[in-house]
N, C-alpha and C. Protein backbone atom coordinates (compact mmCIF):
# COMPACT_ATOMS: atom_id res chain seq x y z
N MET A 1 36.27 15.32 -2.33
CA MET A 1 36.30 14.12 -1.51
C MET A 1 36.33 14.55 -0.05
N GLY A 2 35.50 13.93 0.76
CA GLY A 2 35.40 14.31 2.16
C GLY A 2 36.54 13.77 2.99
N LYS A 3 36.50 14.13 4.26
CA LYS A 3 37.52 13.68 5.20
C LYS A 3 37.43 12.16 5.36
N LYS A 4 38.56 11.49 5.42
CA LYS A 4 38.59 10.05 5.56
C LYS A 4 38.38 9.66 7.02
N LEU A 5 37.59 8.63 7.20
CA LEU A 5 37.31 8.11 8.53
C LEU A 5 38.54 7.39 9.06
N GLU A 6 38.93 7.67 10.27
CA GLU A 6 40.06 7.00 10.90
C GLU A 6 39.56 6.15 12.04
N VAL A 7 39.94 4.86 12.02
CA VAL A 7 39.53 3.95 13.10
C VAL A 7 40.72 3.10 13.52
N TYR A 8 40.70 2.69 14.77
CA TYR A 8 41.67 1.72 15.28
C TYR A 8 40.96 0.38 15.32
N SER A 9 41.38 -0.54 14.48
CA SER A 9 40.71 -1.83 14.35
C SER A 9 40.81 -2.63 15.63
N GLU A 10 39.73 -3.28 15.96
CA GLU A 10 39.72 -4.16 17.13
C GLU A 10 39.65 -5.62 16.68
N LEU A 11 39.79 -5.86 15.39
CA LEU A 11 39.71 -7.22 14.86
C LEU A 11 40.99 -8.00 15.09
N LEU A 12 42.08 -7.30 15.35
CA LEU A 12 43.39 -7.93 15.52
C LEU A 12 44.12 -7.16 16.61
N ASP A 13 44.99 -7.85 17.32
CA ASP A 13 45.82 -7.17 18.32
C ASP A 13 46.53 -5.99 17.66
N GLN A 14 46.56 -4.84 18.32
CA GLN A 14 47.13 -3.62 17.73
C GLN A 14 48.58 -3.79 17.32
N ASP A 15 49.39 -4.47 18.14
CA ASP A 15 50.79 -4.69 17.78
C ASP A 15 50.92 -5.60 16.56
N ASP A 16 50.07 -6.63 16.48
CA ASP A 16 50.10 -7.53 15.32
C ASP A 16 49.68 -6.79 14.05
N LEU A 17 48.63 -5.98 14.15
CA LEU A 17 48.17 -5.20 13.00
C LEU A 17 49.21 -4.18 12.58
N TYR A 18 49.84 -3.53 13.59
CA TYR A 18 50.91 -2.56 13.30
C TYR A 18 52.02 -3.24 12.51
N GLU A 19 52.47 -4.42 12.95
CA GLU A 19 53.55 -5.15 12.27
C GLU A 19 53.13 -5.55 10.85
N LEU A 20 51.88 -5.97 10.70
CA LEU A 20 51.39 -6.35 9.38
C LEU A 20 51.41 -5.15 8.42
N ILE A 21 50.90 -4.02 8.88
CA ILE A 21 50.89 -2.81 8.05
C ILE A 21 52.32 -2.35 7.76
N LYS A 22 53.17 -2.38 8.78
CA LYS A 22 54.57 -1.96 8.62
C LYS A 22 55.27 -2.84 7.59
N LYS A 23 55.07 -4.16 7.69
CA LYS A 23 55.70 -5.10 6.75
C LYS A 23 55.22 -4.82 5.33
N TYR A 24 53.91 -4.58 5.17
CA TYR A 24 53.35 -4.28 3.85
C TYR A 24 53.96 -3.00 3.28
N ALA A 25 54.09 -1.96 4.10
CA ALA A 25 54.68 -0.70 3.65
C ALA A 25 56.13 -0.89 3.26
N GLU A 26 56.88 -1.67 4.03
CA GLU A 26 58.29 -1.92 3.72
C GLU A 26 58.44 -2.69 2.42
N ILE A 27 57.58 -3.68 2.20
CA ILE A 27 57.63 -4.46 0.97
C ILE A 27 57.32 -3.56 -0.23
N ASN A 28 56.32 -2.69 -0.09
CA ASN A 28 55.99 -1.77 -1.18
C ASN A 28 57.15 -0.83 -1.49
N GLU A 29 57.80 -0.31 -0.45
CA GLU A 29 58.97 0.56 -0.66
C GLU A 29 60.09 -0.20 -1.35
N GLU A 30 60.30 -1.45 -0.95
CA GLU A 30 61.35 -2.28 -1.56
C GLU A 30 61.01 -2.57 -3.03
N GLN A 31 59.73 -2.82 -3.32
CA GLN A 31 59.32 -3.07 -4.70
C GLN A 31 59.60 -1.86 -5.59
N VAL A 32 59.34 -0.66 -5.08
CA VAL A 32 59.61 0.56 -5.84
C VAL A 32 61.10 0.68 -6.11
N ARG A 33 61.92 0.43 -5.09
CA ARG A 33 63.37 0.49 -5.26
C ARG A 33 63.85 -0.57 -6.25
N LEU A 34 63.36 -1.79 -6.09
CA LEU A 34 63.76 -2.88 -6.98
C LEU A 34 63.32 -2.61 -8.42
N LYS A 35 62.13 -2.06 -8.61
CA LYS A 35 61.64 -1.73 -9.95
C LYS A 35 62.55 -0.70 -10.61
N SER A 36 62.95 0.29 -9.84
CA SER A 36 63.86 1.31 -10.38
C SER A 36 65.19 0.68 -10.78
N ASP A 37 65.74 -0.16 -9.92
CA ASP A 37 67.00 -0.85 -10.24
C ASP A 37 66.83 -1.76 -11.45
N SER A 38 65.73 -2.50 -11.48
CA SER A 38 65.45 -3.41 -12.58
C SER A 38 65.34 -2.65 -13.90
N ASP A 39 64.64 -1.53 -13.90
CA ASP A 39 64.48 -0.73 -15.11
C ASP A 39 65.82 -0.23 -15.64
N LYS A 40 66.71 0.18 -14.75
CA LYS A 40 68.04 0.66 -15.14
C LYS A 40 68.85 -0.48 -15.77
N ILE A 41 68.84 -1.64 -15.12
CA ILE A 41 69.58 -2.79 -15.64
C ILE A 41 68.99 -3.25 -16.97
N LYS A 42 67.67 -3.28 -17.04
CA LYS A 42 66.99 -3.68 -18.28
C LYS A 42 67.37 -2.75 -19.43
N SER A 43 67.46 -1.46 -19.14
CA SER A 43 67.86 -0.49 -20.15
C SER A 43 69.28 -0.79 -20.65
N ASP A 44 70.19 -1.08 -19.72
CA ASP A 44 71.56 -1.42 -20.10
C ASP A 44 71.60 -2.69 -20.95
N LEU A 45 70.81 -3.71 -20.54
CA LEU A 45 70.78 -4.97 -21.29
C LEU A 45 70.17 -4.78 -22.68
N ARG A 46 69.18 -3.91 -22.81
CA ARG A 46 68.58 -3.64 -24.12
C ARG A 46 69.61 -3.02 -25.06
N ILE A 47 70.45 -2.14 -24.55
CA ILE A 47 71.49 -1.53 -25.37
C ILE A 47 72.46 -2.60 -25.85
N ILE A 48 72.88 -3.47 -24.93
CA ILE A 48 73.79 -4.57 -25.28
C ILE A 48 73.12 -5.50 -26.29
N GLY A 49 71.87 -5.87 -26.01
CA GLY A 49 71.12 -6.76 -26.90
C GLY A 49 70.97 -6.17 -28.29
N LYS A 50 70.63 -4.88 -28.33
CA LYS A 50 70.45 -4.22 -29.63
C LYS A 50 71.77 -4.19 -30.40
N ASP A 51 72.87 -3.88 -29.70
CA ASP A 51 74.17 -3.84 -30.37
C ASP A 51 74.55 -5.22 -30.92
N GLU A 52 74.33 -6.27 -30.14
CA GLU A 52 74.64 -7.64 -30.60
C GLU A 52 73.74 -8.03 -31.78
N TYR A 53 72.45 -7.71 -31.67
CA TYR A 53 71.49 -8.01 -32.73
C TYR A 53 71.90 -7.33 -34.03
N LEU A 54 72.20 -6.04 -33.94
CA LEU A 54 72.57 -5.29 -35.15
C LEU A 54 73.88 -5.79 -35.73
N ALA A 55 74.83 -6.19 -34.88
CA ALA A 55 76.09 -6.75 -35.37
C ALA A 55 75.83 -8.05 -36.14
N GLU A 56 74.97 -8.91 -35.58
CA GLU A 56 74.64 -10.16 -36.26
C GLU A 56 73.90 -9.90 -37.58
N TYR A 57 73.02 -8.90 -37.57
CA TYR A 57 72.28 -8.53 -38.79
C TYR A 57 73.26 -8.06 -39.86
N GLU A 58 74.22 -7.21 -39.47
CA GLU A 58 75.23 -6.69 -40.41
C GLU A 58 76.06 -7.83 -40.99
N ILE A 59 76.48 -8.78 -40.15
CA ILE A 59 77.34 -9.88 -40.59
C ILE A 59 76.61 -10.81 -41.55
N SER A 60 75.38 -11.22 -41.15
CA SER A 60 74.65 -12.21 -41.94
C SER A 60 73.88 -11.59 -43.10
N GLY A 61 73.52 -10.31 -42.98
CA GLY A 61 72.70 -9.67 -44.00
C GLY A 61 71.23 -10.04 -43.89
N ASN A 62 70.87 -10.81 -42.86
CA ASN A 62 69.48 -11.22 -42.64
C ASN A 62 69.07 -10.92 -41.21
N ASN A 63 67.76 -10.77 -41.01
CA ASN A 63 67.23 -10.54 -39.68
C ASN A 63 67.45 -11.78 -38.83
N PRO A 64 68.27 -11.69 -37.77
CA PRO A 64 68.50 -12.86 -36.94
C PRO A 64 67.34 -13.17 -35.98
N ASN A 65 66.31 -12.35 -36.00
CA ASN A 65 65.17 -12.50 -35.10
C ASN A 65 65.64 -12.39 -33.65
N SER A 66 65.07 -13.16 -32.77
CA SER A 66 65.47 -13.10 -31.36
C SER A 66 66.85 -13.73 -31.19
N ILE A 67 67.62 -13.16 -30.27
CA ILE A 67 68.93 -13.76 -30.00
C ILE A 67 69.15 -13.88 -28.50
N ILE A 68 69.86 -14.91 -28.12
CA ILE A 68 70.21 -15.13 -26.71
C ILE A 68 71.60 -14.57 -26.50
N ILE A 69 71.73 -13.66 -25.56
CA ILE A 69 73.02 -13.06 -25.21
C ILE A 69 73.51 -13.78 -23.95
N LYS A 70 74.72 -14.33 -24.00
CA LYS A 70 75.26 -15.09 -22.87
C LYS A 70 76.51 -14.44 -22.32
N ALA A 71 76.73 -14.70 -21.04
CA ALA A 71 77.95 -14.24 -20.37
C ALA A 71 78.49 -15.41 -19.54
N LEU A 72 79.81 -15.61 -19.59
CA LEU A 72 80.47 -16.66 -18.82
C LEU A 72 81.36 -15.99 -17.78
N SER A 73 81.05 -16.22 -16.50
CA SER A 73 81.84 -15.60 -15.43
C SER A 73 83.17 -16.32 -15.28
N SER A 74 84.10 -15.69 -14.57
CA SER A 74 85.42 -16.30 -14.35
C SER A 74 85.31 -17.58 -13.52
N GLU A 75 84.21 -17.74 -12.79
CA GLU A 75 83.98 -18.97 -12.00
C GLU A 75 83.31 -20.06 -12.83
N GLY A 76 83.01 -19.78 -14.09
CA GLY A 76 82.40 -20.77 -14.97
C GLY A 76 80.88 -20.75 -14.95
N ASN A 77 80.27 -19.75 -14.32
CA ASN A 77 78.81 -19.63 -14.31
C ASN A 77 78.34 -18.90 -15.57
N ILE A 78 77.17 -19.27 -16.01
CA ILE A 78 76.61 -18.67 -17.23
C ILE A 78 75.34 -17.90 -16.88
N ALA A 79 75.23 -16.71 -17.45
CA ALA A 79 74.00 -15.92 -17.36
C ALA A 79 73.60 -15.57 -18.78
N GLU A 80 72.30 -15.50 -19.01
CA GLU A 80 71.83 -15.20 -20.36
C GLU A 80 70.52 -14.44 -20.31
N PHE A 81 70.23 -13.76 -21.42
CA PHE A 81 68.91 -13.15 -21.60
C PHE A 81 68.56 -13.21 -23.07
N LEU A 82 67.28 -13.10 -23.33
CA LEU A 82 66.76 -13.14 -24.69
C LEU A 82 66.45 -11.72 -25.13
N PHE A 83 67.01 -11.31 -26.27
CA PHE A 83 66.72 -10.01 -26.84
C PHE A 83 65.74 -10.23 -27.99
N VAL A 84 64.62 -9.52 -27.95
CA VAL A 84 63.57 -9.73 -28.94
C VAL A 84 63.23 -8.41 -29.64
N PRO A 85 63.69 -8.23 -30.89
CA PRO A 85 63.22 -7.09 -31.68
C PRO A 85 61.89 -7.48 -32.32
N ASN A 86 60.92 -6.62 -32.20
CA ASN A 86 59.59 -6.93 -32.72
C ASN A 86 59.35 -6.21 -34.04
N ASP A 87 58.45 -6.77 -34.82
CA ASP A 87 58.03 -6.12 -36.06
C ASP A 87 56.94 -5.11 -35.72
N LYS A 88 57.23 -4.29 -34.71
CA LYS A 88 56.35 -3.22 -34.25
C LYS A 88 57.22 -1.98 -34.09
N TYR A 89 56.58 -0.82 -34.23
CA TYR A 89 57.34 0.42 -34.27
C TYR A 89 56.61 1.49 -33.48
N LEU A 90 57.37 2.41 -32.90
CA LEU A 90 56.76 3.54 -32.22
C LEU A 90 56.02 4.40 -33.23
N SER A 91 54.98 5.05 -32.79
CA SER A 91 54.16 5.88 -33.67
C SER A 91 54.94 7.09 -34.19
N ILE A 92 54.58 7.48 -35.38
CA ILE A 92 55.12 8.69 -35.98
C ILE A 92 53.94 9.65 -36.12
N THR A 93 54.00 10.76 -35.43
CA THR A 93 52.88 11.69 -35.44
C THR A 93 53.20 12.98 -36.18
N ASP A 94 54.43 13.21 -36.42
CA ASP A 94 54.87 14.46 -37.02
C ASP A 94 55.04 14.29 -38.53
N LYS A 95 54.40 15.17 -39.30
CA LYS A 95 54.47 15.08 -40.76
C LYS A 95 55.90 15.25 -41.27
N GLU A 96 56.66 16.12 -40.64
CA GLU A 96 58.05 16.34 -41.07
C GLU A 96 58.87 15.07 -40.86
N GLU A 97 58.65 14.40 -39.73
CA GLU A 97 59.36 13.14 -39.48
C GLU A 97 58.94 12.08 -40.49
N TYR A 98 57.64 12.02 -40.79
CA TYR A 98 57.14 11.09 -41.81
C TYR A 98 57.85 11.34 -43.14
N GLU A 99 57.90 12.60 -43.57
CA GLU A 99 58.52 12.92 -44.86
C GLU A 99 60.01 12.61 -44.86
N ASN A 100 60.66 12.81 -43.73
CA ASN A 100 62.08 12.49 -43.59
C ASN A 100 62.30 10.98 -43.76
N ILE A 101 61.49 10.18 -43.08
CA ILE A 101 61.60 8.72 -43.19
C ILE A 101 61.25 8.28 -44.60
N LEU A 102 60.22 8.87 -45.19
CA LEU A 102 59.82 8.55 -46.56
C LEU A 102 60.96 8.82 -47.53
N ASN A 103 61.63 9.96 -47.38
CA ASN A 103 62.74 10.31 -48.27
C ASN A 103 63.92 9.36 -48.13
N ILE A 104 64.19 8.90 -46.92
CA ILE A 104 65.35 8.03 -46.69
C ILE A 104 65.03 6.57 -47.01
N TYR A 105 63.86 6.08 -46.56
CA TYR A 105 63.57 4.65 -46.62
C TYR A 105 62.49 4.26 -47.65
N GLY A 106 61.86 5.24 -48.28
CA GLY A 106 60.90 4.96 -49.33
C GLY A 106 59.53 4.54 -48.82
N ASP A 107 58.57 4.50 -49.74
CA ASP A 107 57.20 4.20 -49.35
C ASP A 107 56.95 2.72 -49.07
N GLU A 108 57.93 1.85 -49.35
CA GLU A 108 57.74 0.44 -49.01
C GLU A 108 57.89 0.19 -47.50
N SER A 109 58.33 1.20 -46.76
CA SER A 109 58.54 1.04 -45.33
C SER A 109 57.60 1.86 -44.46
N ILE A 110 56.81 2.75 -45.06
CA ILE A 110 55.97 3.62 -44.23
C ILE A 110 54.61 3.84 -44.88
N ASP A 111 53.58 3.86 -44.07
CA ASP A 111 52.22 4.11 -44.53
C ASP A 111 51.75 5.46 -44.02
N LYS A 112 50.96 6.12 -44.84
CA LYS A 112 50.27 7.34 -44.41
C LYS A 112 48.78 7.01 -44.41
N ILE A 113 48.14 7.21 -43.29
CA ILE A 113 46.72 6.91 -43.14
C ILE A 113 45.99 8.22 -42.91
N SER A 114 45.12 8.58 -43.83
CA SER A 114 44.34 9.81 -43.71
C SER A 114 42.98 9.48 -43.09
N ILE A 115 42.61 10.25 -42.11
CA ILE A 115 41.35 10.06 -41.41
C ILE A 115 40.55 11.34 -41.53
N SER A 116 39.32 11.22 -41.99
CA SER A 116 38.43 12.38 -42.08
C SER A 116 37.27 12.16 -41.13
N THR A 117 36.97 13.16 -40.35
CA THR A 117 35.83 13.11 -39.45
C THR A 117 34.98 14.34 -39.69
N LEU A 118 33.71 14.21 -39.42
CA LEU A 118 32.81 15.34 -39.58
C LEU A 118 33.00 16.32 -38.43
N ASN A 119 32.96 17.59 -38.76
CA ASN A 119 33.10 18.64 -37.76
C ASN A 119 31.82 18.67 -36.91
N PRO A 120 31.90 18.33 -35.61
CA PRO A 120 30.69 18.25 -34.79
C PRO A 120 29.99 19.59 -34.59
N ILE A 121 30.70 20.68 -34.63
CA ILE A 121 30.08 22.00 -34.45
C ILE A 121 29.16 22.31 -35.63
N ILE A 122 29.64 22.06 -36.84
CA ILE A 122 28.83 22.32 -38.04
C ILE A 122 27.68 21.31 -38.12
N LEU A 123 27.95 20.04 -37.76
CA LEU A 123 26.88 19.04 -37.77
C LEU A 123 25.75 19.42 -36.82
N LYS A 124 26.11 19.86 -35.64
CA LYS A 124 25.09 20.26 -34.66
C LYS A 124 24.29 21.46 -35.17
N LYS A 125 24.99 22.39 -35.76
CA LYS A 125 24.35 23.59 -36.27
C LYS A 125 23.31 23.24 -37.34
N TYR A 126 23.57 22.21 -38.14
CA TYR A 126 22.70 21.85 -39.27
C TYR A 126 22.08 20.46 -39.10
N GLN A 127 21.85 20.06 -37.87
CA GLN A 127 21.35 18.70 -37.64
C GLN A 127 20.03 18.41 -38.36
N ASN A 128 19.17 19.41 -38.50
CA ASN A 128 17.89 19.20 -39.19
C ASN A 128 18.06 19.04 -40.69
N GLN A 129 19.14 19.57 -41.23
CA GLN A 129 19.35 19.48 -42.67
C GLN A 129 20.35 18.39 -43.05
N ILE A 130 20.75 17.56 -42.11
CA ILE A 130 21.82 16.58 -42.37
C ILE A 130 21.49 15.65 -43.53
N VAL A 131 20.24 15.28 -43.69
CA VAL A 131 19.86 14.39 -44.78
C VAL A 131 20.14 15.06 -46.13
N ASN A 132 19.87 16.34 -46.18
CA ASN A 132 20.09 17.08 -47.44
C ASN A 132 21.56 17.45 -47.66
N LEU A 133 22.35 17.32 -46.65
CA LEU A 133 23.76 17.70 -46.74
C LEU A 133 24.47 17.00 -47.89
N LEU A 134 24.20 15.75 -48.04
CA LEU A 134 24.88 14.98 -49.08
C LEU A 134 24.33 15.30 -50.48
N LYS A 135 23.08 15.72 -50.53
CA LYS A 135 22.45 16.01 -51.83
C LYS A 135 22.69 17.45 -52.28
N ASN A 136 22.57 18.36 -51.31
CA ASN A 136 22.62 19.77 -51.69
C ASN A 136 23.23 20.57 -50.55
N ALA A 137 24.39 21.12 -50.74
CA ALA A 137 25.09 21.83 -49.68
C ALA A 137 24.96 23.34 -49.80
N ASP A 138 23.91 23.83 -50.47
CA ASP A 138 23.73 25.27 -50.66
C ASP A 138 23.58 26.04 -49.35
N PHE A 139 23.09 25.40 -48.30
CA PHE A 139 22.85 26.09 -47.03
C PHE A 139 24.15 26.34 -46.25
N LEU A 140 25.22 25.72 -46.62
CA LEU A 140 26.49 25.94 -45.93
C LEU A 140 27.08 27.28 -46.33
N GLU A 141 27.63 27.94 -45.36
CA GLU A 141 28.34 29.19 -45.67
C GLU A 141 29.64 28.82 -46.39
N GLU A 142 30.20 29.74 -47.14
CA GLU A 142 31.36 29.46 -47.99
C GLU A 142 32.51 28.81 -47.21
N HIS A 143 32.86 29.38 -46.06
CA HIS A 143 34.00 28.83 -45.30
C HIS A 143 33.67 27.48 -44.67
N GLU A 144 32.39 27.14 -44.52
CA GLU A 144 32.01 25.87 -43.90
C GLU A 144 32.16 24.69 -44.85
N HIS A 145 32.16 24.93 -46.14
CA HIS A 145 32.36 23.84 -47.09
C HIS A 145 33.70 23.14 -46.83
N GLU A 146 34.72 23.91 -46.55
CA GLU A 146 36.04 23.33 -46.29
C GLU A 146 36.12 22.73 -44.89
N ASP A 147 35.34 23.30 -43.95
CA ASP A 147 35.44 22.87 -42.56
C ASP A 147 34.52 21.72 -42.18
N ILE A 148 33.65 21.29 -43.07
CA ILE A 148 32.71 20.23 -42.72
C ILE A 148 33.44 18.94 -42.36
N LEU A 149 34.56 18.70 -43.02
CA LEU A 149 35.37 17.53 -42.70
C LEU A 149 36.65 17.97 -41.99
N LYS A 150 36.92 17.33 -40.88
CA LYS A 150 38.19 17.54 -40.19
C LYS A 150 39.11 16.41 -40.63
N LYS A 151 40.29 16.76 -41.08
CA LYS A 151 41.22 15.76 -41.60
C LYS A 151 42.44 15.66 -40.70
N SER A 152 42.88 14.43 -40.52
CA SER A 152 44.12 14.20 -39.79
C SER A 152 44.85 13.05 -40.48
N GLU A 153 46.13 13.01 -40.28
CA GLU A 153 46.93 11.95 -40.88
C GLU A 153 47.77 11.29 -39.80
N THR A 154 47.86 9.99 -39.88
CA THR A 154 48.77 9.26 -39.02
C THR A 154 49.72 8.48 -39.92
N TYR A 155 50.83 8.12 -39.37
CA TYR A 155 51.86 7.45 -40.15
C TYR A 155 52.32 6.22 -39.37
N SER A 156 52.62 5.16 -40.07
CA SER A 156 53.10 3.96 -39.39
C SER A 156 54.09 3.22 -40.28
N ILE A 157 55.02 2.59 -39.62
CA ILE A 157 56.00 1.76 -40.33
C ILE A 157 55.30 0.46 -40.72
N LYS A 158 55.52 0.01 -41.93
CA LYS A 158 54.84 -1.19 -42.43
C LYS A 158 55.40 -2.45 -41.79
N LYS A 159 54.50 -3.42 -41.57
CA LYS A 159 54.91 -4.74 -41.09
C LYS A 159 55.93 -5.34 -42.05
N GLY A 160 56.87 -6.06 -41.50
CA GLY A 160 57.89 -6.71 -42.31
C GLY A 160 59.11 -5.85 -42.57
N THR A 161 59.05 -4.58 -42.22
CA THR A 161 60.18 -3.68 -42.49
C THR A 161 61.44 -4.17 -41.78
N ILE A 162 61.29 -4.74 -40.58
CA ILE A 162 62.47 -5.21 -39.84
C ILE A 162 63.25 -6.26 -40.63
N ASN A 163 62.58 -6.98 -41.50
CA ASN A 163 63.24 -8.00 -42.31
C ASN A 163 63.98 -7.43 -43.50
N ARG A 164 63.81 -6.13 -43.75
CA ARG A 164 64.45 -5.48 -44.89
C ARG A 164 65.47 -4.42 -44.48
N LEU A 165 65.88 -4.40 -43.22
CA LEU A 165 66.82 -3.38 -42.78
C LEU A 165 68.14 -3.45 -43.55
N ASN A 166 68.49 -4.62 -44.02
CA ASN A 166 69.74 -4.77 -44.78
C ASN A 166 69.68 -4.12 -46.16
N GLU A 167 68.50 -3.69 -46.58
CA GLU A 167 68.36 -3.01 -47.86
C GLU A 167 68.73 -1.53 -47.78
N TYR A 168 68.92 -1.04 -46.58
CA TYR A 168 69.21 0.37 -46.39
C TYR A 168 70.70 0.57 -46.17
N GLU A 169 71.12 1.81 -46.29
CA GLU A 169 72.54 2.14 -46.19
C GLU A 169 73.15 1.67 -44.87
N SER A 170 72.42 1.85 -43.77
CA SER A 170 72.93 1.44 -42.46
C SER A 170 71.81 0.74 -41.69
N ILE A 171 72.04 -0.51 -41.35
CA ILE A 171 71.06 -1.27 -40.56
C ILE A 171 70.84 -0.59 -39.22
N THR A 172 71.92 -0.14 -38.60
CA THR A 172 71.83 0.51 -37.28
C THR A 172 71.00 1.79 -37.35
N GLU A 173 71.25 2.62 -38.34
CA GLU A 173 70.49 3.86 -38.48
C GLU A 173 69.03 3.57 -38.81
N ALA A 174 68.78 2.58 -39.66
CA ALA A 174 67.40 2.23 -40.01
C ALA A 174 66.66 1.72 -38.77
N TYR A 175 67.31 0.89 -37.98
CA TYR A 175 66.71 0.37 -36.75
C TYR A 175 66.31 1.53 -35.84
N ARG A 176 67.19 2.50 -35.71
CA ARG A 176 66.93 3.68 -34.86
C ARG A 176 65.85 4.57 -35.48
N ASP A 177 66.01 4.91 -36.74
CA ASP A 177 65.09 5.84 -37.39
C ASP A 177 63.67 5.30 -37.49
N LEU A 178 63.56 4.00 -37.73
CA LEU A 178 62.24 3.39 -37.90
C LEU A 178 61.60 3.02 -36.57
N ARG A 179 62.33 3.25 -35.49
CA ARG A 179 61.83 3.13 -34.12
C ARG A 179 61.30 1.74 -33.79
N VAL A 180 62.14 0.74 -34.04
CA VAL A 180 61.77 -0.64 -33.74
C VAL A 180 61.56 -0.79 -32.23
N ILE A 181 60.49 -1.47 -31.85
CA ILE A 181 60.24 -1.76 -30.44
C ILE A 181 60.91 -3.10 -30.14
N ASP A 182 61.71 -3.13 -29.09
CA ASP A 182 62.36 -4.38 -28.70
C ASP A 182 62.14 -4.62 -27.21
N SER A 183 62.50 -5.82 -26.78
CA SER A 183 62.31 -6.16 -25.37
C SER A 183 63.35 -7.18 -24.91
N ILE A 184 63.46 -7.28 -23.59
CA ILE A 184 64.34 -8.25 -22.94
C ILE A 184 63.44 -9.27 -22.25
N LYS A 185 63.76 -10.54 -22.43
CA LYS A 185 62.98 -11.60 -21.79
C LYS A 185 63.91 -12.69 -21.26
N SER A 186 63.38 -13.46 -20.36
CA SER A 186 64.00 -14.72 -19.92
C SER A 186 65.43 -14.58 -19.44
N ALA A 187 65.71 -13.66 -18.53
CA ALA A 187 67.05 -13.60 -17.94
C ALA A 187 67.22 -14.79 -17.01
N LYS A 188 68.33 -15.53 -17.16
CA LYS A 188 68.57 -16.73 -16.37
C LYS A 188 70.04 -16.79 -15.95
N VAL A 189 70.26 -17.46 -14.84
CA VAL A 189 71.62 -17.69 -14.36
C VAL A 189 71.78 -19.19 -14.13
N PHE A 190 72.89 -19.75 -14.65
CA PHE A 190 73.18 -21.17 -14.48
C PHE A 190 74.49 -21.30 -13.71
N LYS A 191 74.50 -22.13 -12.72
CA LYS A 191 75.74 -22.33 -11.92
C LYS A 191 76.29 -23.71 -12.16
């Protein structure tokens, strides 16, 4: 990338333009600071929300779905937020982790998806014979028979698992182990 052109705009008074740019830079800096503060508070609220959600799940034995967490100040003001556990889960990419979850929670809670793709190096090498590949693979070298397909596996927690957490030894551990995605929404203050 070449050197950037620098110009002093004549479209606006220099002091007015300076103030406009300065104000924009200050607002951007404040947004970064506020975002950092917001993320920290949101993290704290998610922990509280998750603890309350799991406590309600343990007590009732059923998925309470979304719950509103409220606080009453000494002045009588109310603040609340909505905690939303989703029937979505973080990805599991490690086979050992998959097997660990499978052993603890069974195959009704986790899927293994096998994906096979053709090895592009071997395909390119034999592009003229690709039609015959499916009929007669005699032209492949011995080690290429195994390498023609590249295999990978992905793992995912099955939909609906969040509704069955009470079937496991510990709802809290299952929630953690199965990597439920949750969120905070609708924080409000009432005076």
